[in-house]
Each structure stands twice: as structure tokens, then as C-alpha cells.
Amino acid sequence: SSGINAEYGIPSNLYLTLAMGVLLGLGDGGFNVSIYANLSTVFEHKPAPAFAVFKFVQSLMGAGAFLYCGSLQLPYQLAILAVTCLLACFSFTYLERFPQRVLVFLTDGEE
């Protein structure tokens, strides 16, 4: 038993597994709660469409992940996860710093 999974081609690593678990927990627990709070603050007059669009995009990305998970090896899946997490963090930080700019862009100055 060399510790290498023949199906995925990488050695099993306890620390990598724990790190991925922490990242997934933070993403689900902290990131989603923060996004919900921001959506309800930025779109306080019409929160339902904002939540609907958010859940639609989130579900669409989940469906995309199910489509490629059977054909891509684990290192590529982890790379996709890392890149999309970084993009999400940068987008969230931008929204936190400049909420009025984003609101004017999204509503086209209607409110």
C-alpha cells in the first residue's frame, strides 16, 4: 500500500484533506451568510429577485461541477475550485468596498 490512489494519481494526504474540508466549511458557513447579508442590504427594496439570481447562479455552477467531475482528474478539479474561490473572494471584496458603484451598475440608476 503506497498511499497512491490509482484512479486519481495523487498520493493521499491528510493535511490536504483537512485543508479542503476547512475551505469548504468556510465557504458554506461564512461566505454564503455574508452574501445573503449583503444581498439583503444592497437590494433592500427588491431582495427576492436578487436571492433568486444568486441561487440560480449557485445551482448552475453546482450542475457544471457535476458534469465535469466524472471526466477530470482530482488535481484539475482542485485547480478549478481554487480559481473560482479566488474570483469569488475578489468579487465579494469589491462589492464590500464599493457597494454604491455596483448598485448603480446593476440597477442602471433606477433607485
PDB file of N, CA and C in Angstrom:
ATOM      1  N   SER A   1       0.842  -1.182   0.000  1.00  0.00           N
ATOM      2  CA  SER A   1       0.000   0.000   0.000  1.00  0.00           C
ATOM      3  C   SER A   1       0.886   1.243   0.000  1.00  0.00           C
ATOM      4  N   SER A   2       1.029   1.870  -1.154  1.00  0.00           N
ATOM      5  CA  SER A   2       1.909   3.025  -1.277  1.00  0.00           C
ATOM      6  C   SER A   2       1.202   4.327  -0.929  1.00  0.00           C
ATOM      7  N   GLY A   3      -0.104   4.290  -0.723  1.00  0.00           N
ATOM      8  CA  GLY A   3      -0.830   5.504  -0.387  1.00  0.00           C
ATOM      9  C   GLY A   3      -1.259   6.310  -1.603  1.00  0.00           C
ATOM     10  N   ILE A   4      -1.025   5.759  -2.802  1.00  0.00           N
ATOM     11  CA  ILE A   4      -1.418   6.464  -4.026  1.00  0.00           C
ATOM     12  C   ILE A   4      -2.673   5.820  -4.576  1.00  0.00           C
ATOM     13  N   ASN A   5      -3.664   6.629  -4.789  1.00  0.00           N
ATOM     14  CA  ASN A   5      -4.909   6.149  -5.363  1.00  0.00           C
ATOM     15  C   ASN A   5      -4.731   6.077  -6.868  1.00  0.00           C
ATOM     16  N   ALA A   6      -4.835   4.885  -7.432  1.00  0.00           N
ATOM     17  CA  ALA A   6      -4.587   4.694  -8.861  1.00  0.00           C
ATOM     18  C   ALA A   6      -5.599   5.448  -9.719  1.00  0.00           C
ATOM     19  N   GLU A   7      -6.813   5.623  -9.218  1.00  0.00           N
ATOM     20  CA  GLU A   7      -7.853   6.298 -10.001  1.00  0.00           C
ATOM     21  C   GLU A   7      -7.543   7.784 -10.177  1.00  0.00           C
ATOM     22  N   TYR A   8      -7.009   8.420  -9.138  1.00  0.00           N
ATOM     23  CA  TYR A   8      -6.766   9.855  -9.197  1.00  0.00           C
ATOM     24  C   TYR A   8      -5.306  10.210  -9.449  1.00  0.00           C
ATOM     25  N   GLY A   9      -4.398   9.332  -9.150  1.00  0.00           N
ATOM     26  CA  GLY A   9      -2.996   9.546  -9.485  1.00  0.00           C
ATOM     27  C   GLY A   9      -2.230  10.459  -8.556  1.00  0.00           C
ATOM     28  N   ILE A  10      -2.782  10.795  -7.393  1.00  0.00           N
ATOM     29  CA  ILE A  10      -2.031  11.615  -6.438  1.00  0.00           C
ATOM     30  C   ILE A  10      -1.976  10.871  -5.112  1.00  0.00           C
ATOM     31  N   PRO A  11      -0.935  11.103  -4.345  1.00  0.00           N
ATOM     32  CA  PRO A  11      -0.855  10.432  -3.045  1.00  0.00           C
ATOM     33  C   PRO A  11      -1.903  11.001  -2.083  1.00  0.00           C
ATOM     34  N   SER A  12      -2.465  10.137  -1.250  1.00  0.00           N
ATOM     35  CA  SER A  12      -3.414  10.620  -0.258  1.00  0.00           C
ATOM     36  C   SER A  12      -2.653  11.424   0.794  1.00  0.00           C
ATOM     37  N   ASN A  13      -3.254  12.517   1.218  1.00  0.00           N
ATOM     38  CA  ASN A  13      -2.591  13.425   2.129  1.00  0.00           C
ATOM     39  C   ASN A  13      -3.615  13.913   3.143  1.00  0.00           C
ATOM     40  N   LEU A  14      -3.381  13.614   4.411  1.00  0.00           N
ATOM     41  CA  LEU A  14      -4.309  14.004   5.463  1.00  0.00           C
ATOM     42  C   LEU A  14      -4.439  15.520   5.550  1.00  0.00           C
ATOM     43  N   TYR A  15      -3.322  16.240   5.442  1.00  0.00           N
ATOM     44  CA  TYR A  15      -3.359  17.698   5.583  1.00  0.00           C
ATOM     45  C   TYR A  15      -4.102  18.364   4.426  1.00  0.00           C
ATOM     46  N   LEU A  16      -3.942  17.838   3.218  1.00  0.00           N
ATOM     47  CA  LEU A  16      -4.690  18.361   2.078  1.00  0.00           C
ATOM     48  C   LEU A  16      -6.183  18.126   2.262  1.00  0.00           C
ATOM     49  N   THR A  17      -6.539  16.965   2.760  1.00  0.00           N
ATOM     50  CA  THR A  17      -7.939  16.653   3.009  1.00  0.00           C
ATOM     51  C   THR A  17      -8.531  17.575   4.062  1.00  0.00           C
ATOM     52  N   LEU A  18      -7.802  17.795   5.147  1.00  0.00           N
ATOM     53  CA  LEU A  18      -8.287  18.690   6.196  1.00  0.00           C
ATOM     54  C   LEU A  18      -8.382  20.134   5.707  1.00  0.00           C
ATOM     55  N   ALA A  19      -7.413  20.568   4.906  1.00  0.00           N
ATOM     56  CA  ALA A  19      -7.446  21.932   4.373  1.00  0.00           C
ATOM     57  C   ALA A  19      -8.648  22.122   3.459  1.00  0.00           C
ATOM     58  N   MET A  20      -8.942  21.150   2.613  1.00  0.00           N
ATOM     59  CA  MET A  20     -10.114  21.246   1.739  1.00  0.00           C
ATOM     60  C   MET A  20     -11.401  21.249   2.562  1.00  0.00           C
ATOM     61  N   GLY A  21     -11.447  20.473   3.621  1.00  0.00           N
ATOM     62  CA  GLY A  21     -12.627  20.472   4.489  1.00  0.00           C
ATOM     63  C   GLY A  21     -12.848  21.812   5.158  1.00  0.00           C
ATOM     64  N   VAL A  22     -11.759  22.434   5.602  1.00  0.00           N
ATOM     65  CA  VAL A  22     -11.868  23.761   6.226  1.00  0.00           C
ATOM     66  C   VAL A  22     -12.335  24.785   5.197  1.00  0.00           C
ATOM     67  N   LEU A  23     -11.768  24.746   4.002  1.00  0.00           N
ATOM     68  CA  LEU A  23     -12.175  25.695   2.968  1.00  0.00           C
ATOM     69  C   LEU A  23     -13.638  25.520   2.578  1.00  0.00           C
ATOM     70  N   LEU A  24     -14.085  24.281   2.450  1.00  0.00           N
ATOM     71  CA  LEU A  24     -15.493  24.044   2.121  1.00  0.00           C
ATOM     72  C   LEU A  24     -16.406  24.496   3.252  1.00  0.00           C
ATOM     73  N   GLY A  25     -15.986  24.270   4.493  1.00  0.00           N
ATOM     74  CA  GLY A  25     -16.775  24.718   5.639  1.00  0.00           C
ATOM     75  C   GLY A  25     -16.866  26.230   5.712  1.00  0.00           C
ATOM     76  N   LEU A  26     -15.753  26.904   5.485  1.00  0.00           N
ATOM     77  CA  LEU A  26     -15.759  28.368   5.482  1.00  0.00           C
ATOM     78  C   LEU A  26     -16.612  28.907   4.340  1.00  0.00           C
ATOM     79  N   GLY A  27     -16.492  28.281   3.189  1.00  0.00           N
ATOM     80  CA  GLY A  27     -17.272  28.722   2.036  1.00  0.00           C
ATOM     81  C   GLY A  27     -18.756  28.581   2.276  1.00  0.00           C
ATOM     82  N   ASP A  28     -19.155  27.481   2.864  1.00  0.00           N
ATOM     83  CA  ASP A  28     -20.579  27.257   3.095  1.00  0.00           C
ATOM     84  C   ASP A  28     -21.084  28.078   4.275  1.00  0.00           C
ATOM     85  N   GLY A  29     -20.351  28.055   5.368  1.00  0.00           N
ATOM     86  CA  GLY A  29     -20.815  28.720   6.577  1.00  0.00           C
ATOM     87  C   GLY A  29     -20.663  30.224   6.557  1.00  0.00           C
ATOM     88  N   GLY A  30     -19.497  30.690   6.209  1.00  0.00           N
ATOM     89  CA  GLY A  30     -19.232  32.127   6.279  1.00  0.00           C
ATOM     90  C   GLY A  30     -19.551  32.890   5.018  1.00  0.00           C
ATOM     91  N   PHE A  31     -19.161  32.340   3.901  1.00  0.00           N
ATOM     92  CA  PHE A  31     -19.297  33.057   2.632  1.00  0.00           C
ATOM     93  C   PHE A  31     -20.763  33.237   2.251  1.00  0.00           C
ATOM     94  N   ASN A  32     -21.551  32.179   2.353  1.00  0.00           N
ATOM     95  CA  ASN A  32     -22.964  32.281   1.991  1.00  0.00           C
ATOM     96  C   ASN A  32     -23.722  33.218   2.916  1.00  0.00           C
ATOM     97  N   VAL A  33     -23.433  33.171   4.211  1.00  0.00           N
ATOM     98  CA  VAL A  33     -24.104  34.068   5.152  1.00  0.00           C
ATOM     99  C   VAL A  33     -23.759  35.520   4.835  1.00  0.00           C
ATOM    100  N   SER A  34     -22.506  35.782   4.528  1.00  0.00           N
ATOM    101  CA  SER A  34     -22.102  37.142   4.171  1.00  0.00           C
ATOM    102  C   SER A  34     -22.756  37.600   2.879  1.00  0.00           C
ATOM    103  N   ILE A  35     -22.858  36.714   1.922  1.00  0.00           N
ATOM    104  CA  ILE A  35     -23.509  37.070   0.655  1.00  0.00           C
ATOM    105  C   ILE A  35     -24.983  37.372   0.887  1.00  0.00           C
ATOM    106  N   TYR A  36     -25.656  36.553   1.693  1.00  0.00           N
ATOM    107  CA  TYR A  36     -27.068  36.809   1.985  1.00  0.00           C
ATOM    108  C   TYR A  36     -27.238  38.163   2.683  1.00  0.00           C
ATOM    109  N   ALA A  37     -26.359  38.467   3.624  1.00  0.00           N
ATOM    110  CA  ALA A  37     -26.441  39.749   4.332  1.00  0.00           C
ATOM    111  C   ALA A  37     -26.233  40.909   3.365  1.00  0.00           C
ATOM    112  N   ASN A  38     -25.262  40.792   2.481  1.00  0.00           N
ATOM    113  CA  ASN A  38     -25.014  41.858   1.510  1.00  0.00           C
ATOM    114  C   ASN A  38     -26.158  42.006   0.521  1.00  0.00           C
ATOM    115  N   LEU A  39     -26.710  40.901   0.062  1.00  0.00           N
ATOM    116  CA  LEU A  39     -27.839  40.983  -0.872  1.00  0.00           C
ATOM    117  C   LEU A  39     -29.034  41.678  -0.229  1.00  0.00           C
ATOM    118  N   SER A  40     -29.292  41.347   1.033  1.00  0.00           N
ATOM    119  CA  SER A  40     -30.434  41.979   1.695  1.00  0.00           C
ATOM    120  C   SER A  40     -30.180  43.449   1.991  1.00  0.00           C
ATOM    121  N   THR A  41     -28.916  43.851   2.116  1.00  0.00           N
ATOM    122  CA  THR A  41     -28.596  45.256   2.349  1.00  0.00           C
ATOM    123  C   THR A  41     -28.591  46.053   1.051  1.00  0.00           C
ATOM    124  N   VAL A  42     -27.930  45.534   0.041  1.00  0.00           N
ATOM    125  CA  VAL A  42     -27.802  46.264  -1.222  1.00  0.00           C
ATOM    126  C   VAL A  42     -29.139  46.328  -1.955  1.00  0.00           C
ATOM    127  N   PHE A  43     -29.888  45.233  -1.939  1.00  0.00           N
ATOM    128  CA  PHE A  43     -31.179  45.189  -2.637  1.00  0.00           C
ATOM    129  C   PHE A  43     -32.312  45.154  -1.619  1.00  0.00           C
ATOM    130  N   GLU A  44     -32.338  46.127  -0.720  1.00  0.00           N
ATOM    131  CA  GLU A  44     -33.331  46.101   0.352  1.00  0.00           C
ATOM    132  C   GLU A  44     -34.754  46.324  -0.153  1.00  0.00           C
ATOM    133  N   HIS A  45     -34.926  46.990  -1.292  1.00  0.00           N
ATOM    134  CA  HIS A  45     -36.270  47.237  -1.809  1.00  0.00           C
ATOM    135  C   HIS A  45     -36.810  46.048  -2.601  1.00  0.00           C
ATOM    136  N   LYS A  46     -35.927  45.300  -3.246  1.00  0.00           N
ATOM    137  CA  LYS A  46     -36.337  44.129  -4.039  1.00  0.00           C
ATOM    138  C   LYS A  46     -35.370  42.971  -3.781  1.00  0.00           C
ATOM    139  N   PRO A  47     -35.421  42.362  -2.593  1.00  0.00           N
ATOM    140  CA  PRO A  47     -34.452  41.291  -2.304  1.00  0.00           C
ATOM    141  C   PRO A  47     -34.763  39.970  -2.986  1.00  0.00           C
ATOM    142  N   ALA A  48     -36.030  39.680  -3.261  1.00  0.00           N
ATOM    143  CA  ALA A  48     -36.389  38.370  -3.821  1.00  0.00           C
ATOM    144  C   ALA A  48     -35.727  38.104  -5.169  1.00  0.00           C
ATOM    145  N   PRO A  49     -35.739  39.047  -6.131  1.00  0.00           N
ATOM    146  CA  PRO A  49     -35.044  38.770  -7.392  1.00  0.00           C
ATOM    147  C   PRO A  49     -33.538  38.587  -7.214  1.00  0.00           C
ATOM    148  N   ALA A  50     -32.944  39.330  -6.284  1.00  0.00           N
ATOM    149  CA  ALA A  50     -31.502  39.185  -6.056  1.00  0.00           C
ATOM    150  C   ALA A  50     -31.170  37.805  -5.500  1.00  0.00           C
ATOM    151  N   PHE A  51     -31.976  37.340  -4.536  1.00  0.00           N
ATOM    152  CA  PHE A  51     -31.754  35.996  -3.994  1.00  0.00           C
ATOM    153  C   PHE A  51     -31.998  34.928  -5.053  1.00  0.00           C
ATOM    154  N   ALA A  52     -32.997  35.146  -5.899  1.00  0.00           N
ATOM    155  CA  ALA A  52     -33.302  34.174  -6.949  1.00  0.00           C
ATOM    156  C   ALA A  52     -32.149  34.060  -7.943  1.00  0.00           C
ATOM    157  N   VAL A  53     -31.587  35.202  -8.337  1.00  0.00           N
ATOM    158  CA  VAL A  53     -30.457  35.175  -9.279  1.00  0.00           C
ATOM    159  C   VAL A  53     -29.252  34.515  -8.627  1.00  0.00           C
ATOM    160  N   PHE A  54     -28.997  34.831  -7.357  1.00  0.00           N
ATOM    161  CA  PHE A  54     -27.870  34.221  -6.654  1.00  0.00           C
ATOM    162  C   PHE A  54     -28.017  32.704  -6.587  1.00  0.00           C
ATOM    163  N   LYS A  55     -29.194  32.220  -6.192  1.00  0.00           N
ATOM    164  CA  LYS A  55     -29.396  30.773  -6.087  1.00  0.00           C
ATOM    165  C   LYS A  55     -29.348  30.100  -7.458  1.00  0.00           C
ATOM    166  N   PHE A  56     -29.829  30.795  -8.499  1.00  0.00           N
ATOM    167  CA  PHE A  56     -29.767  30.243  -9.849  1.00  0.00           C
ATOM    168  C   PHE A  56     -28.314  30.059 -10.287  1.00  0.00           C
ATOM    169  N   VAL A  57     -27.499  31.088 -10.095  1.00  0.00           N
ATOM    170  CA  VAL A  57     -26.087  31.003 -10.489  1.00  0.00           C
ATOM    171  C   VAL A  57     -25.371  29.947  -9.657  1.00  0.00           C
ATOM    172  N   GLN A  58     -25.662  29.896  -8.364  1.00  0.00           N
ATOM    173  CA  GLN A  58     -25.040  28.897  -7.493  1.00  0.00           C
ATOM    174  C   GLN A  58     -25.422  27.480  -7.942  1.00  0.00           C
ATOM    175  N   SER A  59     -26.667  27.261  -8.272  1.00  0.00           N
ATOM    176  CA  SER A  59     -27.117  25.942  -8.737  1.00  0.00           C
ATOM    177  C   SER A  59     -26.544  25.593 -10.104  1.00  0.00           C
ATOM    178  N   LEU A  60     -26.430  26.589 -10.963  1.00  0.00           N
ATOM    179  CA  LEU A  60     -25.842  26.373 -12.282  1.00  0.00           C
ATOM    180  C   LEU A  60     -24.381  25.939 -12.166  1.00  0.00           C
ATOM    181  N   MET A  61     -23.639  26.592 -11.285  1.00  0.00           N
ATOM    182  CA  MET A  61     -22.239  26.210 -11.088  1.00  0.00           C
ATOM    183  C   MET A  61     -22.124  24.810 -10.473  1.00  0.00           C
ATOM    184  N   GLY A  62     -23.050  24.476  -9.571  1.00  0.00           N
ATOM    185  CA  GLY A  62     -23.060  23.127  -8.993  1.00  0.00           C
ATOM    186  C   GLY A  62     -23.343  22.063 -10.041  1.00  0.00           C
ATOM    187  N   ALA A  63     -24.278  22.361 -10.941  1.00  0.00           N
ATOM    188  CA  ALA A  63     -24.578  21.421 -12.025  1.00  0.00           C
ATOM    189  C   ALA A  63     -23.385  21.267 -12.954  1.00  0.00           C
ATOM    190  N   GLY A  64     -22.695  22.367 -13.238  1.00  0.00           N
ATOM    191  CA  GLY A  64     -21.486  22.298 -14.067  1.00  0.00           C
ATOM    192  C   GLY A  64     -20.411  21.439 -13.421  1.00  0.00           C
ATOM    193  N   ALA A  65     -20.272  21.559 -12.107  1.00  0.00           N
ATOM    194  CA  ALA A  65     -19.283  20.741 -11.397  1.00  0.00           C
ATOM    195  C   ALA A  65     -19.633  19.257 -11.484  1.00  0.00           C
ATOM    196  N   PHE A  66     -20.915  18.940 -11.396  1.00  0.00           N
ATOM    197  CA  PHE A  66     -21.314  17.538 -11.541  1.00  0.00           C
ATOM    198  C   PHE A  66     -21.026  17.024 -12.942  1.00  0.00           C
ATOM    199  N   LEU A  67     -21.115  17.877 -13.931  1.00  0.00           N
ATOM    200  CA  LEU A  67     -20.858  17.444 -15.305  1.00  0.00           C
ATOM    201  C   LEU A  67     -19.383  17.115 -15.532  1.00  0.00           C
ATOM    202  N   TYR A  68     -18.487  17.949 -15.001  1.00  0.00           N
ATOM    203  CA  TYR A  68     -17.068  17.701 -15.279  1.00  0.00           C
ATOM    204  C   TYR A  68     -16.388  16.800 -14.262  1.00  0.00           C
ATOM    205  N   CYS A  69     -17.027  16.498 -13.137  1.00  0.00           N
ATOM    206  CA  CYS A  69     -16.329  15.731 -12.096  1.00  0.00           C
ATOM    207  C   CYS A  69     -16.014  14.300 -12.516  1.00  0.00           C
ATOM    208  N   GLY A  70     -16.776  13.740 -13.415  1.00  0.00           N
ATOM    209  CA  GLY A  70     -16.508  12.377 -13.836  1.00  0.00           C
ATOM    210  C   GLY A  70     -15.404  12.260 -14.870  1.00  0.00           C
ATOM    211  N   SER A  71     -15.081  13.364 -15.531  1.00  0.00           N
ATOM    212  CA  SER A  71     -14.107  13.287 -16.610  1.00  0.00           C
ATOM    213  C   SER A  71     -12.766  13.952 -16.288  1.00  0.00           C
ATOM    214  N   LEU A  72     -12.710  14.774 -15.263  1.00  0.00           N
ATOM    215  CA  LEU A  72     -11.448  15.433 -14.897  1.00  0.00           C
ATOM    216  C   LEU A  72     -10.826  14.762 -13.689  1.00  0.00           C
ATOM    217  N   GLN A  73      -9.514  14.716 -13.675  1.00  0.00           N
ATOM    218  CA  GLN A  73      -8.812  14.168 -12.523  1.00  0.00           C
ATOM    219  C   GLN A  73      -8.875  15.156 -11.362  1.00  0.00           C
ATOM    220  N   LEU A  74      -8.662  14.648 -10.164  1.00  0.00           N
ATOM    221  CA  LEU A  74      -8.786  15.440  -8.948  1.00  0.00           C
ATOM    222  C   LEU A  74      -7.903  16.696  -8.926  1.00  0.00           C
ATOM    223  N   PRO A  75      -6.640  16.644  -9.366  1.00  0.00           N
ATOM    224  CA  PRO A  75      -5.843  17.881  -9.329  1.00  0.00           C
ATOM    225  C   PRO A  75      -6.452  19.010 -10.164  1.00  0.00           C
ATOM    226  N   TYR A  76      -7.054  18.664 -11.295  1.00  0.00           N
ATOM    227  CA  TYR A  76      -7.690  19.697 -12.123  1.00  0.00           C
ATOM    228  C   TYR A  76      -8.968  20.220 -11.462  1.00  0.00           C
ATOM    229  N   GLN A  77      -9.700  19.339 -10.806  1.00  0.00           N
ATOM    230  CA  GLN A  77     -10.885  19.776 -10.086  1.00  0.00           C
ATOM    231  C   GLN A  77     -10.513  20.724  -8.950  1.00  0.00           C
ATOM    232  N   LEU A  78      -9.427  20.409  -8.246  1.00  0.00           N
ATOM    233  CA  LEU A  78      -8.967  21.288  -7.168  1.00  0.00           C
ATOM    234  C   LEU A  78      -8.475  22.622  -7.715  1.00  0.00           C
ATOM    235  N   ALA A  79      -7.859  22.614  -8.889  1.00  0.00           N
ATOM    236  CA  ALA A  79      -7.426  23.867  -9.509  1.00  0.00           C
ATOM    237  C   ALA A  79      -8.629  24.735  -9.873  1.00  0.00           C
ATOM    238  N   ILE A  80      -9.667  24.118 -10.419  1.00  0.00           N
ATOM    239  CA  ILE A  80     -10.891  24.863 -10.743  1.00  0.00           C
ATOM    240  C   ILE A  80     -11.505  25.431  -9.470  1.00  0.00           C
ATOM    241  N   LEU A  81     -11.529  24.639  -8.406  1.00  0.00           N
ATOM    242  CA  LEU A  81     -12.059  25.093  -7.128  1.00  0.00           C
ATOM    243  C   LEU A  81     -11.264  26.284  -6.601  1.00  0.00           C
ATOM    244  N   ALA A  82      -9.938  26.203  -6.663  1.00  0.00           N
ATOM    245  CA  ALA A  82      -9.105  27.289  -6.160  1.00  0.00           C
ATOM    246  C   ALA A  82      -9.303  28.571  -6.957  1.00  0.00           C
ATOM    247  N   VAL A  83      -9.354  28.456  -8.279  1.00  0.00           N
ATOM    248  CA  VAL A  83      -9.515  29.644  -9.125  1.00  0.00           C
ATOM    249  C   VAL A  83     -10.873  30.294  -8.897  1.00  0.00           C
ATOM    250  N   THR A  84     -11.930  29.495  -8.851  1.00  0.00           N
ATOM    251  CA  THR A  84     -13.255  30.078  -8.656  1.00  0.00           C
ATOM    252  C   THR A  84     -13.412  30.652  -7.250  1.00  0.00           C
ATOM    253  N   CYS A  85     -12.770  30.052  -6.259  1.00  0.00           N
ATOM    254  CA  CYS A  85     -12.811  30.622  -4.906  1.00  0.00           C
ATOM    255  C   CYS A  85     -12.094  31.966  -4.859  1.00  0.00           C
ATOM    256  N   LEU A  86     -10.963  32.069  -5.539  1.00  0.00           N
ATOM    257  CA  LEU A  86     -10.255  33.354  -5.587  1.00  0.00           C
ATOM    258  C   LEU A  86     -11.085  34.415  -6.297  1.00  0.00           C
ATOM    259  N   LEU A  87     -11.705  34.061  -7.415  1.00  0.00           N
ATOM    260  CA  LEU A  87     -12.571  35.013  -8.120  1.00  0.00           C
ATOM    261  C   LEU A  87     -13.740  35.453  -7.245  1.00  0.00           C
ATOM    262  N   ALA A  88     -14.318  34.519  -6.526  1.00  0.00           N
ATOM    263  CA  ALA A  88     -15.430  34.856  -5.641  1.00  0.00           C
ATOM    264  C   ALA A  88     -14.981  35.785  -4.516  1.00  0.00           C
ATOM    265  N   CYS A  89     -13.807  35.526  -3.959  1.00  0.00           N
ATOM    266  CA  CYS A  89     -13.296  36.391  -2.884  1.00  0.00           C
ATOM    267  C   CYS A  89     -13.011  37.795  -3.392  1.00  0.00           C
ATOM    268  N   PHE A  90     -12.416  37.913  -4.569  1.00  0.00           N
ATOM    269  CA  PHE A  90     -12.147  39.244  -5.125  1.00  0.00           C
ATOM    270  C   PHE A  90     -13.450  39.973  -5.449  1.00  0.00           C
ATOM    271  N   SER A  91     -14.423  39.267  -5.989  1.00  0.00           N
ATOM    272  CA  SER A  91     -15.713  39.885  -6.297  1.00  0.00           C
ATOM    273  C   SER A  91     -16.418  40.343  -5.029  1.00  0.00           C
ATOM    274  N   PHE A  92     -16.392  39.512  -3.999  1.00  0.00           N
ATOM    275  CA  PHE A  92     -17.026  39.852  -2.735  1.00  0.00           C
ATOM    276  C   PHE A  92     -16.340  41.063  -2.101  1.00  0.00           C
ATOM    277  N   THR A  93     -15.010  41.095  -2.145  1.00  0.00           N
ATOM    278  CA  THR A  93     -14.270  42.229  -1.587  1.00  0.00           C
ATOM    279  C   THR A  93     -14.591  43.509  -2.340  1.00  0.00           C
ATOM    280  N   TYR A  94     -14.702  43.442  -3.644  1.00  0.00           N
ATOM    281  CA  TYR A  94     -15.045  44.618  -4.442  1.00  0.00           C
ATOM    282  C   TYR A  94     -16.437  45.131  -4.062  1.00  0.00           C
ATOM    283  N   LEU A  95     -17.385  44.214  -3.902  1.00  0.00           N
ATOM    284  CA  LEU A  95     -18.737  44.612  -3.522  1.00  0.00           C
ATOM    285  C   LEU A  95     -18.754  45.232  -2.125  1.00  0.00           C
ATOM    286  N   GLU A  96     -17.950  44.708  -1.223  1.00  0.00           N
ATOM    287  CA  GLU A  96     -17.873  45.256   0.124  1.00  0.00           C
ATOM    288  C   GLU A  96     -17.302  46.674   0.130  1.00  0.00           C
ATOM    289  N   ARG A  97     -16.315  46.916  -0.727  1.00  0.00           N
ATOM    290  CA  ARG A  97     -15.655  48.230  -0.733  1.00  0.00           C
ATOM    291  C   ARG A  97     -16.420  49.282  -1.521  1.00  0.00           C
ATOM    292  N   PHE A  98     -17.089  48.890  -2.584  1.00  0.00           N
ATOM    293  CA  PHE A  98     -17.768  49.851  -3.466  1.00  0.00           C
ATOM    294  C   PHE A  98     -19.217  49.435  -3.719  1.00  0.00           C
ATOM    295  N   PRO A  99     -20.051  49.367  -2.686  1.00  0.00           N
ATOM    296  CA  PRO A  99     -21.424  48.872  -2.909  1.00  0.00           C
ATOM    297  C   PRO A  99     -22.262  49.819  -3.762  1.00  0.00           C
ATOM    298  N   GLN A 100     -22.054  51.118  -3.638  1.00  0.00           N
ATOM    299  CA  GLN A 100     -22.870  52.051  -4.410  1.00  0.00           C
ATOM    300  C   GLN A 100     -22.558  51.972  -5.898  1.00  0.00           C
ATOM    301  N   ARG A 101     -21.276  51.813  -6.248  1.00  0.00           N
ATOM    302  CA  ARG A 101     -20.905  51.666  -7.666  1.00  0.00           C
ATOM    303  C   ARG A 101     -21.574  50.452  -8.284  1.00  0.00           C
ATOM    304  N   VAL A 102     -21.535  49.354  -7.552  1.00  0.00           N
ATOM    305  CA  VAL A 102     -22.117  48.116  -8.059  1.00  0.00           C
ATOM    306  C   VAL A 102     -23.631  48.249  -8.147  1.00  0.00           C
ATOM    307  N   LEU A 103     -24.258  48.888  -7.152  1.00  0.00           N
ATOM    308  CA  LEU A 103     -25.708  49.049  -7.150  1.00  0.00           C
ATOM    309  C   LEU A 103     -26.149  49.905  -8.340  1.00  0.00           C
ATOM    310  N   VAL A 104     -25.451  50.992  -8.610  1.00  0.00           N
ATOM    311  CA  VAL A 104     -25.806  51.842  -9.749  1.00  0.00           C
ATOM    312  C   VAL A 104     -25.635  51.076 -11.062  1.00  0.00           C
ATOM    313  N   PHE A 105     -24.574  50.277 -11.155  1.00  0.00           N
ATOM    314  CA  PHE A 105     -24.340  49.485 -12.367  1.00  0.00           C
ATOM    315  C   PHE A 105     -25.441  48.441 -12.548  1.00  0.00           C
ATOM    316  N   LEU A 106     -25.844  47.766 -11.483  1.00  0.00           N
ATOM    317  CA  LEU A 106     -26.824  46.690 -11.594  1.00  0.00           C
ATOM    318  C   LEU A 106     -28.238  47.197 -11.812  1.00  0.00           C
ATOM    319  N   THR A 107     -28.580  48.312 -11.189  1.00  0.00           N
ATOM    320  CA  THR A 107     -29.946  48.815 -11.312  1.00  0.00           C
ATOM    321  C   THR A 107     -30.070  49.840 -12.431  1.00  0.00           C
ATOM    322  N   ASP A 108     -28.975  50.216 -13.027  1.00  0.00           N
ATOM    323  CA  ASP A 108     -28.952  51.198 -14.116  1.00  0.00           C
ATOM    324  C   ASP A 108     -29.531  52.537 -13.661  1.00  0.00           C
ATOM    325  N   GLY A 109     -29.281  52.878 -12.379  1.00  0.00           N
ATOM    326  CA  GLY A 109     -29.688  54.165 -11.832  1.00  0.00           C
ATOM    327  C   GLY A 109     -31.173  54.306 -11.563  1.00  0.00           C
ATOM    328  N   GLU A 110     -31.923  53.195 -11.484  1.00  0.00           N
ATOM    329  CA  GLU A 110     -33.366  53.271 -11.293  1.00  0.00           C
ATOM    330  C   GLU A 110     -33.752  53.683  -9.884  1.00  0.00           C
ATOM    331  N   GLU A 111     -32.961  53.278  -8.865  1.00  0.00           N
ATOM    332  CA  GLU A 111     -33.365  53.541  -7.475  1.00  0.00           C
ATOM    333  C   GLU A 111     -32.827  54.854  -6.991  1.00  0.00           C
TER     334      GLU A 111
END
